[in-house]
């Protein structure tokens, strides 16, 4: 659950800032990307865990109401995951995540493995245990399912995990965490680990590179920014859908840029994720 406070500016360490407003809305990186994919037109199944608290009821209901298949959604006794988000008037944010039930999502069932095998694309994030991410990626690779890893939040990855990734999506902070270098734009270092990379660049758009020699800066779409909270999730969910539909990956990145831009025009996370018509309207311009 995203607990979003709006304020004139973000507080410095040890400082209290009087806010303008407060919004509580279902979020979570995995859930946001699942909803983004469903709204972008993809048939989407969610594998994950919610808590047994009232937040969990709301989170499960929001996923189902937006067209995400929650047949295999687990309920874990205890609190759901919570994100405390501060947003300033320029749309910038700072986020603290308490994983809650996400920590309990360990060990894939036979039914969950079957879902992965039946999919065109498996999309993973890092707000669940990395052991589960690695297990899911391995199951996808064995079944011939294409894999996308949004390596967020930034952290050190276990050896061998990236060997199972077909497409890596990272921002500059996450790129540095993976390569250990100071230059986030060192695509060669990333391509030594994975065959395809998308580097998201916030208001500057994104950059796509692969081992076939493509390295292209993809400009952002110009929109009025209200809140950047879910932009990366909108982008990544739409990218997975576009790739599953057979688009060329560079064209898929351009389409995903439109999804990310459409999302920042609204305040919030899952409620700000655009539907396919909104994405197409901005993409076609």
C-alpha atoms as a PDB file:
ATOM      1  CA  UNK A   1       0.000   0.000   0.000  1.00  0.00           C
ATOM      2  CA  UNK A   2       1.393   3.409  -0.981  1.00  0.00           C
ATOM      3  CA  UNK A   3       1.056   6.118   1.665  1.00  0.00           C
ATOM      4  CA  UNK A   4       1.753   9.303  -0.287  1.00  0.00           C
ATOM      5  CA  UNK A   5       2.409  12.697   1.313  1.00  0.00           C
ATOM      6  CA  UNK A   6       2.525  15.802  -0.884  1.00  0.00           C
ATOM      7  CA  UNK A   7       4.643  18.780   0.215  1.00  0.00           C
ATOM      8  CA  UNK A   8       6.266  21.938  -1.206  1.00  0.00           C
ATOM      9  CA  UNK A   9       9.650  20.185  -1.017  1.00  0.00           C
ATOM     10  CA  UNK A  10      11.219  16.990   0.287  1.00  0.00           C
ATOM     11  CA  UNK A  11      12.530  17.187   3.867  1.00  0.00           C
ATOM     12  CA  UNK A  12      16.248  17.033   4.604  1.00  0.00           C
ATOM     13  CA  UNK A  13      17.518  14.518   7.188  1.00  0.00           C
ATOM     14  CA  UNK A  14      16.148  15.397  10.639  1.00  0.00           C
ATOM     15  CA  UNK A  15      13.726  17.986   9.231  1.00  0.00           C
ATOM     16  CA  UNK A  16       9.931  18.086   9.335  1.00  0.00           C
ATOM     17  CA  UNK A  17       8.099  19.702   6.405  1.00  0.00           C
ATOM     18  CA  UNK A  18       4.412  20.621   6.587  1.00  0.00           C
ATOM     19  CA  UNK A  19       2.627  18.778   3.780  1.00  0.00           C
ATOM     20  CA  UNK A  20      -0.157  19.821   1.407  1.00  0.00           C
ATOM     21  CA  UNK A  21      -2.143  16.600   1.101  1.00  0.00           C
ATOM     22  CA  UNK A  22      -2.180  12.836   1.716  1.00  0.00           C
ATOM     23  CA  UNK A  23      -3.255   9.978  -0.558  1.00  0.00           C
ATOM     24  CA  UNK A  24      -3.414   6.244   0.198  1.00  0.00           C
ATOM     25  CA  UNK A  25      -3.431   4.044  -2.896  1.00  0.00           C
ATOM     26  CA  UNK A  26      -2.587   0.422  -3.753  1.00  0.00           C
ATOM     27  CA  UNK A  27       0.944   0.094  -5.086  1.00  0.00           C
ATOM     28  CA  UNK A  28       3.987  -2.176  -4.890  1.00  0.00           C
ATOM     29  CA  UNK A  29       6.432  -2.503  -7.763  1.00  0.00           C
ATOM     30  CA  UNK A  30       5.267  -5.954  -8.882  1.00  0.00           C
ATOM     31  CA  UNK A  31       1.581  -5.122  -8.562  1.00  0.00           C
ATOM     32  CA  UNK A  32       2.043  -1.785 -10.319  1.00  0.00           C
ATOM     33  CA  UNK A  33       3.798  -3.447 -13.240  1.00  0.00           C
ATOM     34  CA  UNK A  34       1.127  -6.150 -13.440  1.00  0.00           C
ATOM     35  CA  UNK A  35      -1.621  -3.509 -13.535  1.00  0.00           C
ATOM     36  CA  UNK A  36       0.386  -1.480 -16.068  1.00  0.00           C
ATOM     37  CA  UNK A  37       0.689  -4.551 -18.291  1.00  0.00           C
ATOM     38  CA  UNK A  38      -3.018  -5.368 -17.994  1.00  0.00           C
ATOM     39  CA  UNK A  39      -4.050  -1.798 -18.799  1.00  0.00           C
ATOM     40  CA  UNK A  40      -1.651  -1.787 -21.732  1.00  0.00           C
ATOM     41  CA  UNK A  41      -3.559  -4.729 -23.175  1.00  0.00           C
ATOM     42  CA  UNK A  42      -1.617  -7.745 -21.928  1.00  0.00           C
ATOM     43  CA  UNK A  43      -3.200 -10.880 -20.449  1.00  0.00           C
ATOM     44  CA  UNK A  44      -1.446 -10.673 -17.087  1.00  0.00           C
ATOM     45  CA  UNK A  45      -1.083 -13.162 -14.218  1.00  0.00           C
ATOM     46  CA  UNK A  46       0.350 -11.999 -10.902  1.00  0.00           C
ATOM     47  CA  UNK A  47       2.531 -14.187  -8.684  1.00  0.00           C
ATOM     48  CA  UNK A  48       3.226 -12.705  -5.267  1.00  0.00           C
ATOM     49  CA  UNK A  49       1.985 -12.340  -1.690  1.00  0.00           C
ATOM     50  CA  UNK A  50      -0.256  -9.982   0.254  1.00  0.00           C
ATOM     51  CA  UNK A  51      -0.785  -9.796   4.007  1.00  0.00           C
ATOM     52  CA  UNK A  52      -3.776 -10.857   6.088  1.00  0.00           C
ATOM     53  CA  UNK A  53      -4.459  -7.230   7.120  1.00  0.00           C
ATOM     54  CA  UNK A  54      -7.012  -4.806   5.654  1.00  0.00           C
ATOM     55  CA  UNK A  55      -4.389  -3.501   3.224  1.00  0.00           C
ATOM     56  CA  UNK A  56      -4.129  -7.015   1.771  1.00  0.00           C
ATOM     57  CA  UNK A  57      -7.864  -7.121   1.049  1.00  0.00           C
ATOM     58  CA  UNK A  58      -7.640  -3.808  -0.783  1.00  0.00           C
ATOM     59  CA  UNK A  59      -4.526  -4.803  -2.710  1.00  0.00           C
ATOM     60  CA  UNK A  60      -6.016  -8.076  -3.915  1.00  0.00           C
ATOM     61  CA  UNK A  61      -9.238  -6.373  -4.926  1.00  0.00           C
ATOM     62  CA  UNK A  62      -7.415  -3.669  -6.906  1.00  0.00           C
ATOM     63  CA  UNK A  63      -5.406  -6.243  -8.866  1.00  0.00           C
ATOM     64  CA  UNK A  64      -8.511  -8.247  -9.748  1.00  0.00           C
ATOM     65  CA  UNK A  65     -10.549  -5.152 -10.608  1.00  0.00           C
ATOM     66  CA  UNK A  66      -7.954  -4.011 -13.150  1.00  0.00           C
ATOM     67  CA  UNK A  67      -8.050  -7.315 -15.027  1.00  0.00           C
ATOM     68  CA  UNK A  68      -5.024  -9.041 -13.487  1.00  0.00           C
ATOM     69  CA  UNK A  69      -5.409 -12.801 -12.910  1.00  0.00           C
ATOM     70  CA  UNK A  70      -4.967 -13.281  -9.127  1.00  0.00           C
ATOM     71  CA  UNK A  71      -5.736 -17.011  -9.044  1.00  0.00           C
ATOM     72  CA  UNK A  72      -2.296 -17.776  -7.598  1.00  0.00           C
ATOM     73  CA  UNK A  73      -1.949 -14.712  -5.337  1.00  0.00           C
ATOM     74  CA  UNK A  74      -0.802 -15.871  -1.883  1.00  0.00           C
ATOM     75  CA  UNK A  75      -2.069 -14.501   1.448  1.00  0.00           C
ATOM     76  CA  UNK A  76       0.519 -14.520   4.233  1.00  0.00           C
ATOM     77  CA  UNK A  77      -0.380 -14.052   7.904  1.00  0.00           C
ATOM     78  CA  UNK A  78       0.844 -10.615   8.984  1.00  0.00           C
ATOM     79  CA  UNK A  79       1.183  -7.164   7.424  1.00  0.00           C
ATOM     80  CA  UNK A  80       1.165  -6.375   3.720  1.00  0.00           C
ATOM     81  CA  UNK A  81       3.990  -4.455   2.134  1.00  0.00           C
ATOM     82  CA  UNK A  82       3.878  -0.690   2.629  1.00  0.00           C
ATOM     83  CA  UNK A  83       5.634   2.175   0.838  1.00  0.00           C
ATOM     84  CA  UNK A  84       5.920   5.594   2.494  1.00  0.00           C
ATOM     85  CA  UNK A  85       6.283   8.117  -0.324  1.00  0.00           C
ATOM     86  CA  UNK A  86       7.041  11.838  -0.195  1.00  0.00           C
ATOM     87  CA  UNK A  87       6.365  13.922  -3.316  1.00  0.00           C
ATOM     88  CA  UNK A  88       7.309  17.578  -3.869  1.00  0.00           C
ATOM     89  CA  UNK A  89       5.628  20.120  -6.138  1.00  0.00           C
ATOM     90  CA  UNK A  90       8.099  19.388  -8.940  1.00  0.00           C
ATOM     91  CA  UNK A  91       6.955  15.770  -8.966  1.00  0.00           C
ATOM     92  CA  UNK A  92      10.157  14.349  -7.470  1.00  0.00           C
ATOM     93  CA  UNK A  93       9.815  11.688  -4.798  1.00  0.00           C
ATOM     94  CA  UNK A  94      11.580   9.791  -2.009  1.00  0.00           C
ATOM     95  CA  UNK A  95      10.344   6.300  -1.077  1.00  0.00           C
ATOM     96  CA  UNK A  96      10.816   3.948   1.890  1.00  0.00           C
ATOM     97  CA  UNK A  97       9.483   0.386   1.432  1.00  0.00           C
ATOM     98  CA  UNK A  98       8.639  -2.039   4.240  1.00  0.00           C
ATOM     99  CA  UNK A  99       8.284  -5.405   2.431  1.00  0.00           C
ATOM    100  CA  UNK A 100       5.845  -7.131   4.808  1.00  0.00           C
ATOM    101  CA  UNK A 101       4.279 -10.159   3.095  1.00  0.00           C
ATOM    102  CA  UNK A 102       6.673  -9.825   0.173  1.00  0.00           C
ATOM    103  CA  UNK A 103       9.402 -11.377   2.359  1.00  0.00           C
ATOM    104  CA  UNK A 104       7.334 -14.563   2.652  1.00  0.00           C
ATOM    105  CA  UNK A 105       7.110 -15.197  -1.099  1.00  0.00           C
ATOM    106  CA  UNK A 106       9.535 -18.124  -1.158  1.00  0.00           C
ATOM    107  CA  UNK A 107       9.553 -21.389  -3.112  1.00  0.00           C
ATOM    108  CA  UNK A 108       7.470 -21.611  -6.291  1.00  0.00           C
ATOM    109  CA  UNK A 109       4.654 -24.138  -6.469  1.00  0.00           C
ATOM    110  CA  UNK A 110       4.075 -26.447  -9.438  1.00  0.00           C
ATOM    111  CA  UNK A 111       1.086 -24.267 -10.418  1.00  0.00           C
ATOM    112  CA  UNK A 112       3.208 -21.113 -10.336  1.00  0.00           C
ATOM    113  CA  UNK A 113       5.879 -22.782 -12.454  1.00  0.00           C
ATOM    114  CA  UNK A 114       3.192 -23.780 -14.951  1.00  0.00           C
ATOM    115  CA  UNK A 115       2.056 -20.134 -15.194  1.00  0.00           C
ATOM    116  CA  UNK A 116       5.607 -19.098 -15.995  1.00  0.00           C
ATOM    117  CA  UNK A 117       5.973 -21.831 -18.610  1.00  0.00           C
ATOM    118  CA  UNK A 118       2.725 -20.771 -20.317  1.00  0.00           C
ATOM    119  CA  UNK A 119       3.674 -17.086 -20.502  1.00  0.00           C
ATOM    120  CA  UNK A 120       5.223 -15.222 -23.424  1.00  0.00           C
ATOM    121  CA  UNK A 121       7.210 -13.001 -21.054  1.00  0.00           C
ATOM    122  CA  UNK A 122       8.115 -13.262 -17.357  1.00  0.00           C
ATOM    123  CA  UNK A 123       8.605  -9.866 -15.709  1.00  0.00           C
ATOM    124  CA  UNK A 124      10.410  -9.802 -12.339  1.00  0.00           C
ATOM    125  CA  UNK A 125      11.316  -7.084  -9.817  1.00  0.00           C
ATOM    126  CA  UNK A 126      13.399  -7.085  -6.626  1.00  0.00           C
ATOM    127  CA  UNK A 127      10.889  -6.260  -3.889  1.00  0.00           C
ATOM    128  CA  UNK A 128      10.578 -10.018  -3.248  1.00  0.00           C
ATOM    129  CA  UNK A 129      13.402 -12.341  -2.085  1.00  0.00           C
ATOM    130  CA  UNK A 130      16.120 -12.640  -4.727  1.00  0.00           C
ATOM    131  CA  UNK A 131      16.045 -16.416  -4.277  1.00  0.00           C
ATOM    132  CA  UNK A 132      12.495 -16.394  -5.662  1.00  0.00           C
ATOM    133  CA  UNK A 133      13.483 -14.079  -8.510  1.00  0.00           C
ATOM    134  CA  UNK A 134      16.297 -16.461  -9.442  1.00  0.00           C
ATOM    135  CA  UNK A 135      13.971 -19.476  -9.203  1.00  0.00           C
ATOM    136  CA  UNK A 136      11.387 -17.838 -11.446  1.00  0.00           C
ATOM    137  CA  UNK A 137      13.970 -16.766 -14.035  1.00  0.00           C
ATOM    138  CA  UNK A 138      15.444 -20.265 -14.110  1.00  0.00           C
ATOM    139  CA  UNK A 139      11.987 -21.808 -14.567  1.00  0.00           C
ATOM    140  CA  UNK A 140      11.264 -19.398 -17.415  1.00  0.00           C
ATOM    141  CA  UNK A 141      14.541 -20.131 -19.172  1.00  0.00           C
ATOM    142  CA  UNK A 142      13.893 -23.883 -18.934  1.00  0.00           C
ATOM    143  CA  UNK A 143      10.433 -23.404 -20.475  1.00  0.00           C
ATOM    144  CA  UNK A 144      11.538 -21.051 -23.256  1.00  0.00           C
ATOM    145  CA  UNK A 145       9.718 -18.047 -21.760  1.00  0.00           C
ATOM    146  CA  UNK A 146      11.442 -14.718 -22.408  1.00  0.00           C
ATOM    147  CA  UNK A 147      12.608 -12.954 -19.236  1.00  0.00           C
ATOM    148  CA  UNK A 148      12.648  -9.305 -18.218  1.00  0.00           C
ATOM    149  CA  UNK A 149      14.239  -8.160 -14.963  1.00  0.00           C
ATOM    150  CA  UNK A 150      13.614  -4.697 -13.592  1.00  0.00           C
ATOM    151  CA  UNK A 151      16.537  -4.704 -11.136  1.00  0.00           C
ATOM    152  CA  UNK A 152      14.828  -2.379  -8.664  1.00  0.00           C
ATOM    153  CA  UNK A 153      15.344  -1.486  -5.920  1.00  0.00           C
ATOM    154  CA  UNK A 154      19.100  -1.339  -6.490  1.00  0.00           C
ATOM    155  CA  UNK A 155      21.097  -4.052  -4.741  1.00  0.00           C
ATOM    156  CA  UNK A 156      23.960  -6.474  -5.232  1.00  0.00           C
ATOM    157  CA  UNK A 157      22.814  -9.494  -7.232  1.00  0.00           C
ATOM    158  CA  UNK A 158      23.815 -13.114  -6.562  1.00  0.00           C
ATOM    159  CA  UNK A 159      26.176 -14.805  -9.037  1.00  0.00           C
ATOM    160  CA  UNK A 160      24.443 -16.341 -12.018  1.00  0.00           C
ATOM    161  CA  UNK A 161      21.131 -14.505 -11.717  1.00  0.00           C
ATOM    162  CA  UNK A 162      21.717 -12.228 -14.702  1.00  0.00           C
ATOM    163  CA  UNK A 163      22.626 -15.225 -16.870  1.00  0.00           C
ATOM    164  CA  UNK A 164      18.894 -16.052 -16.917  1.00  0.00           C
ATOM    165  CA  UNK A 165      17.825 -12.539 -18.043  1.00  0.00           C
ATOM    166  CA  UNK A 166      16.969 -11.763 -21.680  1.00  0.00           C
ATOM    167  CA  UNK A 167      16.237  -8.060 -21.130  1.00  0.00           C
ATOM    168  CA  UNK A 168      17.450  -5.928 -18.211  1.00  0.00           C
ATOM    169  CA  UNK A 169      15.629  -2.702 -17.311  1.00  0.00           C
ATOM    170  CA  UNK A 170      17.473  -0.344 -14.948  1.00  0.00           C
ATOM    171  CA  UNK A 171      17.812   3.301 -14.063  1.00  0.00           C
ATOM    172  CA  UNK A 172      21.208   4.926 -13.553  1.00  0.00           C
ATOM    173  CA  UNK A 173      21.422   4.076  -9.835  1.00  0.00           C
ATOM    174  CA  UNK A 174      20.536   0.447 -10.492  1.00  0.00           C
ATOM    175  CA  UNK A 175      23.018   0.239 -13.368  1.00  0.00           C
ATOM    176  CA  UNK A 176      25.851   1.390 -11.097  1.00  0.00           C
ATOM    177  CA  UNK A 177      24.814  -1.118  -8.418  1.00  0.00           C
ATOM    178  CA  UNK A 178      25.075  -3.957 -10.943  1.00  0.00           C
ATOM    179  CA  UNK A 179      28.376  -3.023 -12.603  1.00  0.00           C
ATOM    180  CA  UNK A 180      30.052  -1.504  -9.565  1.00  0.00           C
ATOM    181  CA  UNK A 181      31.242   1.357 -11.753  1.00  0.00           C
ATOM    182  CA  UNK A 182      30.768   5.101 -11.512  1.00  0.00           C
ATOM    183  CA  UNK A 183      29.556   5.536 -15.099  1.00  0.00           C
ATOM    184  CA  UNK A 184      25.891   4.515 -15.362  1.00  0.00           C
ATOM    185  CA  UNK A 185      26.037   4.968 -19.133  1.00  0.00           C
ATOM    186  CA  UNK A 186      28.651   2.217 -19.578  1.00  0.00           C
ATOM    187  CA  UNK A 187      26.411  -0.030 -21.651  1.00  0.00           C
ATOM    188  CA  UNK A 188      29.324  -2.293 -22.564  1.00  0.00           C
ATOM    189  CA  UNK A 189      29.660  -3.313 -18.918  1.00  0.00           C
ATOM    190  CA  UNK A 190      25.959  -4.178 -18.750  1.00  0.00           C
ATOM    191  CA  UNK A 191      25.984  -6.009 -22.083  1.00  0.00           C
ATOM    192  CA  UNK A 192      28.785  -8.190 -20.777  1.00  0.00           C
ATOM    193  CA  UNK A 193      26.194  -9.516 -18.312  1.00  0.00           C
ATOM    194  CA  UNK A 194      22.944  -9.570 -20.317  1.00  0.00           C
ATOM    195  CA  UNK A 195      22.152  -9.569 -24.070  1.00  0.00           C
ATOM    196  CA  UNK A 196      19.777  -6.563 -24.032  1.00  0.00           C
ATOM    197  CA  UNK A 197      19.538  -3.484 -21.789  1.00  0.00           C
ATOM    198  CA  UNK A 198      17.130  -0.606 -21.370  1.00  0.00           C
ATOM    199  CA  UNK A 199      18.492   2.290 -19.303  1.00  0.00           C
ATOM    200  CA  UNK A 200      15.694   4.584 -18.135  1.00  0.00           C
ATOM    201  CA  UNK A 201      16.669   8.252 -17.908  1.00  0.00           C
ATOM    202  CA  UNK A 202      13.685   9.902 -16.217  1.00  0.00           C
ATOM    203  CA  UNK A 203      12.707  13.059 -18.124  1.00  0.00           C
ATOM    204  CA  UNK A 204      15.359  12.399 -20.766  1.00  0.00           C
ATOM    205  CA  UNK A 205      13.624   9.233 -21.984  1.00  0.00           C
ATOM    206  CA  UNK A 206      15.518   5.954 -22.214  1.00  0.00           C
ATOM    207  CA  UNK A 207      18.366   4.190 -23.993  1.00  0.00           C
ATOM    208  CA  UNK A 208      18.281   0.751 -25.610  1.00  0.00           C
ATOM    209  CA  UNK A 209      21.345  -1.336 -26.403  1.00  0.00           C
ATOM    210  CA  UNK A 210      21.973  -4.953 -27.366  1.00  0.00           C
ATOM    211  CA  UNK A 211      24.792  -7.284 -28.347  1.00  0.00           C
ATOM    212  CA  UNK A 212      23.859  -6.925 -32.024  1.00  0.00           C
ATOM    213  CA  UNK A 213      25.329  -3.420 -31.958  1.00  0.00           C
ATOM    214  CA  UNK A 214      22.238  -1.267 -31.426  1.00  0.00           C
ATOM    215  CA  UNK A 215      22.677   1.615 -28.965  1.00  0.00           C
ATOM    216  CA  UNK A 216      19.904   4.165 -29.343  1.00  0.00           C
ATOM    217  CA  UNK A 217      18.754   7.087 -27.217  1.00  0.00           C
ATOM    218  CA  UNK A 218      14.942   7.158 -27.215  1.00  0.00           C
ATOM    219  CA  UNK A 219      13.589  10.630 -26.351  1.00  0.00           C
ATOM    220  CA  UNK A 220      10.833  11.204 -23.812  1.00  0.00           C
ATOM    221  CA  UNK A 221       7.369  12.507 -24.640  1.00  0.00           C
ATOM    222  CA  UNK A 222       6.724  16.049 -23.410  1.00  0.00           C
ATOM    223  CA  UNK A 223       3.940  16.193 -20.812  1.00  0.00           C
ATOM    224  CA  UNK A 224       3.067  18.233 -17.728  1.00  0.00           C
ATOM    225  CA  UNK A 225       4.417  16.373 -14.685  1.00  0.00           C
ATOM    226  CA  UNK A 226       2.286  15.900 -11.555  1.00  0.00           C
ATOM    227  CA  UNK A 227       3.973  12.867  -9.926  1.00  0.00           C
ATOM    228  CA  UNK A 228       6.755  10.575 -11.165  1.00  0.00           C
ATOM    229  CA  UNK A 229       6.085   7.779  -8.635  1.00  0.00           C
ATOM    230  CA  UNK A 230       4.839   5.052 -11.006  1.00  0.00           C
ATOM    231  CA  UNK A 231       6.549   6.141 -14.219  1.00  0.00           C
ATOM    232  CA  UNK A 232       9.104   3.336 -14.188  1.00  0.00           C
ATOM    233  CA  UNK A 233       6.426   0.734 -13.502  1.00  0.00           C
ATOM    234  CA  UNK A 234       4.216   2.053 -16.306  1.00  0.00           C
ATOM    235  CA  UNK A 235       7.206   1.927 -18.641  1.00  0.00           C
ATOM    236  CA  UNK A 236       8.272  -1.590 -17.692  1.00  0.00           C
ATOM    237  CA  UNK A 237       4.796  -3.121 -17.749  1.00  0.00           C
ATOM    238  CA  UNK A 238       4.082  -1.638 -21.179  1.00  0.00           C
ATOM    239  CA  UNK A 239       7.501  -2.752 -22.452  1.00  0.00           C
ATOM    240  CA  UNK A 240       6.783  -6.360 -21.473  1.00  0.00           C
ATOM    241  CA  UNK A 241       3.416  -6.235 -23.263  1.00  0.00           C
ATOM    242  CA  UNK A 242       4.890  -4.730 -26.426  1.00  0.00           C
ATOM    243  CA  UNK A 243       7.622  -7.379 -26.542  1.00  0.00           C
ATOM    244  CA  UNK A 244       5.083 -10.174 -25.925  1.00  0.00           C
ATOM    245  CA  UNK A 245       3.035  -8.831 -28.836  1.00  0.00           C
ATOM    246  CA  UNK A 246       6.018  -9.195 -31.153  1.00  0.00           C
ATOM    247  CA  UNK A 247       7.080  -5.573 -31.551  1.00  0.00           C
ATOM    248  CA  UNK A 248      10.680  -4.860 -32.412  1.00  0.00           C
ATOM    249  CA  UNK A 249      12.345  -4.035 -29.095  1.00  0.00           C
ATOM    250  CA  UNK A 250      13.366  -0.528 -30.104  1.00  0.00           C
ATOM    251  CA  UNK A 251       9.779   0.241 -31.108  1.00  0.00           C
ATOM    252  CA  UNK A 252       8.628  -1.395 -27.866  1.00  0.00           C
ATOM    253  CA  UNK A 253      10.865   0.986 -25.908  1.00  0.00           C
ATOM    254  CA  UNK A 254       9.364   3.981 -27.710  1.00  0.00           C
ATOM    255  CA  UNK A 255       5.859   2.725 -26.885  1.00  0.00           C
ATOM    256  CA  UNK A 256       6.884   2.164 -23.261  1.00  0.00           C
ATOM    257  CA  UNK A 257       8.218   5.741 -23.129  1.00  0.00           C
ATOM    258  CA  UNK A 258       4.717   6.903 -24.019  1.00  0.00           C
ATOM    259  CA  UNK A 259       3.274   4.800 -21.182  1.00  0.00           C
ATOM    260  CA  UNK A 260       5.737   6.243 -18.688  1.00  0.00           C
ATOM    261  CA  UNK A 261       4.989   9.789 -19.800  1.00  0.00           C
ATOM    262  CA  UNK A 262       1.233   9.247 -19.632  1.00  0.00           C
ATOM    263  CA  UNK A 263       1.520   8.051 -16.029  1.00  0.00           C
ATOM    264  CA  UNK A 264       3.240  11.156 -14.652  1.00  0.00           C
ATOM    265  CA  UNK A 265       0.284  13.369 -15.516  1.00  0.00           C
ATOM    266  CA  UNK A 266      -1.614  12.000 -12.484  1.00  0.00           C
ATOM    267  CA  UNK A 267      -0.789  11.785  -8.761  1.00  0.00           C
ATOM    268  CA  UNK A 268      -0.445   8.290  -7.325  1.00  0.00           C
ATOM    269  CA  UNK A 269       0.800   4.875  -8.346  1.00  0.00           C
ATOM    270  CA  UNK A 270      -1.586   2.197  -9.625  1.00  0.00           C
ATOM    271  CA  UNK A 271      -4.371   4.742 -10.142  1.00  0.00           C
ATOM    272  CA  UNK A 272      -2.078   6.761 -12.431  1.00  0.00           C
ATOM    273  CA  UNK A 273      -1.163   3.895 -14.754  1.00  0.00           C
ATOM    274  CA  UNK A 274      -2.461   4.571 -18.279  1.00  0.00           C
ATOM    275  CA  UNK A 275      -4.712   2.342 -20.362  1.00  0.00           C
ATOM    276  CA  UNK A 276      -3.854   1.320 -23.918  1.00  0.00           C
ATOM    277  CA  UNK A 277      -5.871   4.156 -25.467  1.00  0.00           C
ATOM    278  CA  UNK A 278      -3.941   6.757 -23.446  1.00  0.00           C
ATOM    279  CA  UNK A 279      -0.626   5.213 -24.449  1.00  0.00           C
ATOM    280  CA  UNK A 280      -1.573   5.056 -28.125  1.00  0.00           C
ATOM    281  CA  UNK A 281      -2.842   8.658 -28.110  1.00  0.00           C
ATOM    282  CA  UNK A 282       0.498   9.927 -26.815  1.00  0.00           C
ATOM    283  CA  UNK A 283       2.556   7.534 -28.970  1.00  0.00           C
ATOM    284  CA  UNK A 284       0.779   8.490 -32.171  1.00  0.00           C
ATOM    285  CA  UNK A 285       0.834  12.154 -31.109  1.00  0.00           C
END
